Amino acid sequence: MQDIIGYADNASKDVLKRSERQTFIVYNAITVGNRMSKLEEANILTDTLYWVCVAGG
């Protein structure tokens, strides 16, 4: 499991995406259970984004 460096909302995601030495993956804690449809998952992802830093990315 990768360490979670932090999380960001839609307003700050662009700043994180500009990082050249780290890879940020969009991760949504609500959909971990994978119990909802793809449409519902997509709607939630546009509302709440979590950024997980992968070391050495």
PDB file of N, CA and C in Angstrom:
ATOM      1  N   MET A   1       0.846  -1.196   0.000  1.00  0.00           N
ATOM      2  CA  MET A   1       0.000   0.000   0.000  1.00  0.00           C
ATOM      3  C   MET A   1       0.881   1.244   0.000  1.00  0.00           C
ATOM      4  N   GLN A   2       0.588   2.163  -0.927  1.00  0.00           N
ATOM      5  CA  GLN A   2       1.359   3.387  -0.997  1.00  0.00           C
ATOM      6  C   GLN A   2       0.915   4.355   0.099  1.00  0.00           C
ATOM      7  N   ASP A   3       1.856   5.129   0.600  1.00  0.00           N
ATOM      8  CA  ASP A   3       1.516   6.137   1.603  1.00  0.00           C
ATOM      9  C   ASP A   3       0.741   7.272   0.953  1.00  0.00           C
ATOM     10  N   ILE A   4      -0.300   7.708   1.619  1.00  0.00           N
ATOM     11  CA  ILE A   4      -1.079   8.834   1.105  1.00  0.00           C
ATOM     12  C   ILE A   4      -0.413  10.124   1.561  1.00  0.00           C
ATOM     13  N   ILE A   5       0.110  10.870   0.593  1.00  0.00           N
ATOM     14  CA  ILE A   5       0.800  12.111   0.917  1.00  0.00           C
ATOM     15  C   ILE A   5      -0.201  13.196   1.303  1.00  0.00           C
ATOM     16  N   GLY A   6      -1.322  13.216   0.599  1.00  0.00           N
ATOM     17  CA  GLY A   6      -2.324  14.219   0.895  1.00  0.00           C
ATOM     18  C   GLY A   6      -3.473  14.096  -0.073  1.00  0.00           C
ATOM     19  N   TYR A   7      -4.469  14.965   0.081  1.00  0.00           N
ATOM     20  CA  TYR A   7      -5.600  14.925  -0.826  1.00  0.00           C
ATOM     21  C   TYR A   7      -5.899  16.340  -1.300  1.00  0.00           C
ATOM     22  N   ALA A   8      -6.558  16.410  -2.450  1.00  0.00           N
ATOM     23  CA  ALA A   8      -6.822  17.727  -3.013  1.00  0.00           C
ATOM     24  C   ALA A   8      -8.207  17.776  -3.618  1.00  0.00           C
ATOM     25  N   ASP A   9      -8.805  18.938  -3.607  1.00  0.00           N
ATOM     26  CA  ASP A   9     -10.107  19.103  -4.240  1.00  0.00           C
ATOM     27  C   ASP A   9      -9.888  19.556  -5.683  1.00  0.00           C
ATOM     28  N   ASN A  10     -10.966  19.765  -6.403  1.00  0.00           N
ATOM     29  CA  ASN A  10     -10.854  20.126  -7.805  1.00  0.00           C
ATOM     30  C   ASN A  10     -10.076  21.421  -8.033  1.00  0.00           C
ATOM     31  N   ALA A  11     -10.113  22.320  -7.071  1.00  0.00           N
ATOM     32  CA  ALA A  11      -9.460  23.614  -7.238  1.00  0.00           C
ATOM     33  C   ALA A  11      -7.937  23.495  -7.237  1.00  0.00           C
ATOM     34  N   SER A  12      -7.403  22.506  -6.542  1.00  0.00           N
ATOM     35  CA  SER A  12      -5.947  22.410  -6.419  1.00  0.00           C
ATOM     36  C   SER A  12      -5.336  21.249  -7.182  1.00  0.00           C
ATOM     37  N   LYS A  13      -6.141  20.444  -7.851  1.00  0.00           N
ATOM     38  CA  LYS A  13      -5.598  19.274  -8.548  1.00  0.00           C
ATOM     39  C   LYS A  13      -4.615  19.657  -9.650  1.00  0.00           C
ATOM     40  N   ASP A  14      -4.863  20.789 -10.332  1.00  0.00           N
ATOM     41  CA  ASP A  14      -3.979  21.198 -11.410  1.00  0.00           C
ATOM     42  C   ASP A  14      -2.564  21.504 -10.896  1.00  0.00           C
ATOM     43  N   VAL A  15      -2.492  22.033  -9.687  1.00  0.00           N
ATOM     44  CA  VAL A  15      -1.186  22.330  -9.103  1.00  0.00           C
ATOM     45  C   VAL A  15      -0.424  21.036  -8.868  1.00  0.00           C
ATOM     46  N   LEU A  16      -1.124  20.024  -8.369  1.00  0.00           N
ATOM     47  CA  LEU A  16      -0.477  18.749  -8.114  1.00  0.00           C
ATOM     48  C   LEU A  16      -0.051  18.074  -9.411  1.00  0.00           C
ATOM     49  N   LYS A  17      -0.875  18.218 -10.463  1.00  0.00           N
ATOM     50  CA  LYS A  17      -0.569  17.588 -11.739  1.00  0.00           C
ATOM     51  C   LYS A  17       0.694  18.156 -12.373  1.00  0.00           C
ATOM     52  N   ARG A  18       1.109  19.352 -11.960  1.00  0.00           N
ATOM     53  CA  ARG A  18       2.298  19.969 -12.535  1.00  0.00           C
ATOM     54  C   ARG A  18       3.593  19.400 -11.946  1.00  0.00           C
ATOM     55  N   SER A  19       3.461  18.558 -10.932  1.00  0.00           N
ATOM     56  CA  SER A  19       4.660  17.961 -10.345  1.00  0.00           C
ATOM     57  C   SER A  19       5.305  17.021 -11.350  1.00  0.00           C
ATOM     58  N   GLU A  20       6.596  17.212 -11.621  1.00  0.00           N
ATOM     59  CA  GLU A  20       7.283  16.424 -12.637  1.00  0.00           C
ATOM     60  C   GLU A  20       7.980  15.196 -12.075  1.00  0.00           C
ATOM     61  N   ARG A  21       8.196  15.173 -10.788  1.00  0.00           N
ATOM     62  CA  ARG A  21       8.959  14.067 -10.205  1.00  0.00           C
ATOM     63  C   ARG A  21       8.096  13.048  -9.463  1.00  0.00           C
ATOM     64  N   GLN A  22       6.804  13.303  -9.414  1.00  0.00           N
ATOM     65  CA  GLN A  22       5.910  12.376  -8.721  1.00  0.00           C
ATOM     66  C   GLN A  22       4.694  12.088  -9.580  1.00  0.00           C
ATOM     67  N   THR A  23       4.184  10.888  -9.464  1.00  0.00           N
ATOM     68  CA  THR A  23       2.996  10.501 -10.209  1.00  0.00           C
ATOM     69  C   THR A  23       1.802  10.507  -9.267  1.00  0.00           C
ATOM     70  N   PHE A  24       0.753  11.248  -9.657  1.00  0.00           N
ATOM     71  CA  PHE A  24      -0.441  11.315  -8.826  1.00  0.00           C
ATOM     72  C   PHE A  24      -1.564  10.512  -9.460  1.00  0.00           C
ATOM     73  N   ILE A  25      -2.171   9.675  -8.672  1.00  0.00           N
ATOM     74  CA  ILE A  25      -3.257   8.824  -9.142  1.00  0.00           C
ATOM     75  C   ILE A  25      -4.571   9.281  -8.509  1.00  0.00           C
ATOM     76  N   VAL A  26      -5.596   9.411  -9.343  1.00  0.00           N
ATOM     77  CA  VAL A  26      -6.900   9.778  -8.818  1.00  0.00           C
ATOM     78  C   VAL A  26      -7.484   8.567  -8.092  1.00  0.00           C
ATOM     79  N   TYR A  27      -7.818   8.756  -6.845  1.00  0.00           N
ATOM     80  CA  TYR A  27      -8.335   7.662  -6.033  1.00  0.00           C
ATOM     81  C   TYR A  27      -9.535   8.155  -5.236  1.00  0.00           C
ATOM     82  N   ASN A  28     -10.622   7.428  -5.338  1.00  0.00           N
ATOM     83  CA  ASN A  28     -11.823   7.848  -4.617  1.00  0.00           C
ATOM     84  C   ASN A  28     -12.166   6.825  -3.541  1.00  0.00           C
ATOM     85  N   ALA A  29     -12.095   7.260  -2.293  1.00  0.00           N
ATOM     86  CA  ALA A  29     -12.299   6.347  -1.173  1.00  0.00           C
ATOM     87  C   ALA A  29     -13.709   5.774  -1.139  1.00  0.00           C
ATOM     88  N   ILE A  30     -14.659   6.539  -1.651  1.00  0.00           N
ATOM     89  CA  ILE A  30     -16.054   6.098  -1.579  1.00  0.00           C
ATOM     90  C   ILE A  30     -16.304   4.876  -2.468  1.00  0.00           C
ATOM     91  N   THR A  31     -15.538   4.729  -3.555  1.00  0.00           N
ATOM     92  CA  THR A  31     -15.798   3.651  -4.500  1.00  0.00           C
ATOM     93  C   THR A  31     -14.924   2.423  -4.268  1.00  0.00           C
ATOM     94  N   VAL A  32     -14.205   2.392  -3.150  1.00  0.00           N
ATOM     95  CA  VAL A  32     -13.327   1.258  -2.871  1.00  0.00           C
ATOM     96  C   VAL A  32     -14.108  -0.051  -2.853  1.00  0.00           C
ATOM     97  N   GLY A  33     -15.304  -0.005  -2.299  1.00  0.00           N
ATOM     98  CA  GLY A  33     -16.122  -1.211  -2.232  1.00  0.00           C
ATOM     99  C   GLY A  33     -16.560  -1.702  -3.602  1.00  0.00           C
ATOM    100  N   ASN A  34     -16.488  -0.837  -4.616  1.00  0.00           N
ATOM    101  CA  ASN A  34     -16.845  -1.177  -5.993  1.00  0.00           C
ATOM    102  C   ASN A  34     -18.256  -1.745  -6.068  1.00  0.00           C
ATOM    103  N   ARG A  35     -19.189  -1.136  -5.335  1.00  0.00           N
ATOM    104  CA  ARG A  35     -20.556  -1.647  -5.286  1.00  0.00           C
ATOM    105  C   ARG A  35     -21.535  -0.787  -6.072  1.00  0.00           C
ATOM    106  N   MET A  36     -21.007   0.204  -6.798  1.00  0.00           N
ATOM    107  CA  MET A  36     -21.913   1.060  -7.549  1.00  0.00           C
ATOM    108  C   MET A  36     -21.591   0.989  -9.037  1.00  0.00           C
ATOM    109  N   SER A  37     -22.532   1.427  -9.838  1.00  0.00           N
ATOM    110  CA  SER A  37     -22.342   1.374 -11.285  1.00  0.00           C
ATOM    111  C   SER A  37     -21.250   2.327 -11.738  1.00  0.00           C
ATOM    112  N   LYS A  38     -20.754   2.121 -12.961  1.00  0.00           N
ATOM    113  CA  LYS A  38     -19.716   2.991 -13.502  1.00  0.00           C
ATOM    114  C   LYS A  38     -20.198   4.434 -13.608  1.00  0.00           C
ATOM    115  N   LEU A  39     -21.472   4.614 -13.914  1.00  0.00           N
ATOM    116  CA  LEU A  39     -22.017   5.971 -14.031  1.00  0.00           C
ATOM    117  C   LEU A  39     -21.992   6.676 -12.683  1.00  0.00           C
ATOM    118  N   GLU A  40     -22.418   5.970 -11.647  1.00  0.00           N
ATOM    119  CA  GLU A  40     -22.401   6.553 -10.306  1.00  0.00           C
ATOM    120  C   GLU A  40     -20.974   6.845  -9.873  1.00  0.00           C
ATOM    121  N   GLU A  41     -20.064   5.928 -10.223  1.00  0.00           N
ATOM    122  CA  GLU A  41     -18.665   6.110  -9.851  1.00  0.00           C
ATOM    123  C   GLU A  41     -18.099   7.354 -10.537  1.00  0.00           C
ATOM    124  N   ALA A  42     -18.419   7.529 -11.805  1.00  0.00           N
ATOM    125  CA  ALA A  42     -17.928   8.684 -12.555  1.00  0.00           C
ATOM    126  C   ALA A  42     -18.463   9.985 -11.973  1.00  0.00           C
ATOM    127  N   ASN A  43     -19.716   9.985 -11.561  1.00  0.00           N
ATOM    128  CA  ASN A  43     -20.304  11.186 -10.971  1.00  0.00           C
ATOM    129  C   ASN A  43     -19.613  11.560  -9.667  1.00  0.00           C
ATOM    130  N   ILE A  44     -19.271  10.559  -8.886  1.00  0.00           N
ATOM    131  CA  ILE A  44     -18.601  10.833  -7.612  1.00  0.00           C
ATOM    132  C   ILE A  44     -17.178  11.313  -7.847  1.00  0.00           C
ATOM    133  N   LEU A  45     -16.491  10.713  -8.832  1.00  0.00           N
ATOM    134  CA  LEU A  45     -15.116  11.109  -9.105  1.00  0.00           C
ATOM    135  C   LEU A  45     -15.014  12.567  -9.523  1.00  0.00           C
ATOM    136  N   THR A  46     -16.034  13.078 -10.201  1.00  0.00           N
ATOM    137  CA  THR A  46     -16.000  14.479 -10.603  1.00  0.00           C
ATOM    138  C   THR A  46     -16.286  15.397  -9.423  1.00  0.00           C
ATOM    139  N   ASP A  47     -16.827  14.827  -8.357  1.00  0.00           N
ATOM    140  CA  ASP A  47     -17.203  15.626  -7.197  1.00  0.00           C
ATOM    141  C   ASP A  47     -16.105  15.626  -6.131  1.00  0.00           C
ATOM    142  N   THR A  48     -15.478  14.478  -5.940  1.00  0.00           N
ATOM    143  CA  THR A  48     -14.465  14.354  -4.896  1.00  0.00           C
ATOM    144  C   THR A  48     -13.265  13.591  -5.423  1.00  0.00           C
ATOM    145  N   LEU A  49     -12.113  14.242  -5.452  1.00  0.00           N
ATOM    146  CA  LEU A  49     -10.901  13.590  -5.954  1.00  0.00           C
ATOM    147  C   LEU A  49      -9.878  13.456  -4.832  1.00  0.00           C
ATOM    148  N   TYR A  50      -9.307  12.252  -4.739  1.00  0.00           N
ATOM    149  CA  TYR A  50      -8.229  12.033  -3.780  1.00  0.00           C
ATOM    150  C   TYR A  50      -6.956  11.737  -4.566  1.00  0.00           C
ATOM    151  N   TRP A  51      -5.857  12.320  -4.149  1.00  0.00           N
ATOM    152  CA  TRP A  51      -4.602  12.143  -4.874  1.00  0.00           C
ATOM    153  C   TRP A  51      -3.644  11.322  -4.036  1.00  0.00           C
ATOM    154  N   VAL A  52      -3.198  10.238  -4.646  1.00  0.00           N
ATOM    155  CA  VAL A  52      -2.258   9.368  -3.950  1.00  0.00           C
ATOM    156  C   VAL A  52      -0.919   9.449  -4.665  1.00  0.00           C
ATOM    157  N   CYS A  53       0.103   9.741  -3.925  1.00  0.00           N
ATOM    158  CA  CYS A  53       1.422   9.863  -4.516  1.00  0.00           C
ATOM    159  C   CYS A  53       2.097   8.503  -4.570  1.00  0.00           C
ATOM    160  N   VAL A  54       2.580   8.126  -5.749  1.00  0.00           N
ATOM    161  CA  VAL A  54       3.312   6.875  -5.896  1.00  0.00           C
ATOM    162  C   VAL A  54       4.808   7.188  -5.916  1.00  0.00           C
ATOM    163  N   ALA A  55       5.494   6.712  -4.911  1.00  0.00           N
ATOM    164  CA  ALA A  55       6.922   7.019  -4.796  1.00  0.00           C
ATOM    165  C   ALA A  55       7.687   6.488  -6.000  1.00  0.00           C
ATOM    166  N   GLY A  56       8.597   7.283  -6.492  1.00  0.00           N
ATOM    167  CA  GLY A  56       9.402   6.869  -7.629  1.00  0.00           C
ATOM    168  C   GLY A  56       8.668   6.955  -8.954  1.00  0.00           C
ATOM    169  N   GLY A  57       7.536   7.620  -8.975  1.00  0.00           N
ATOM    170  CA  GLY A  57       6.747   7.710 -10.178  1.00  0.00           C
ATOM    171  C   GLY A  57       7.387   8.575 -11.244  1.00  0.00           C
TER     172      GLY A  57
END
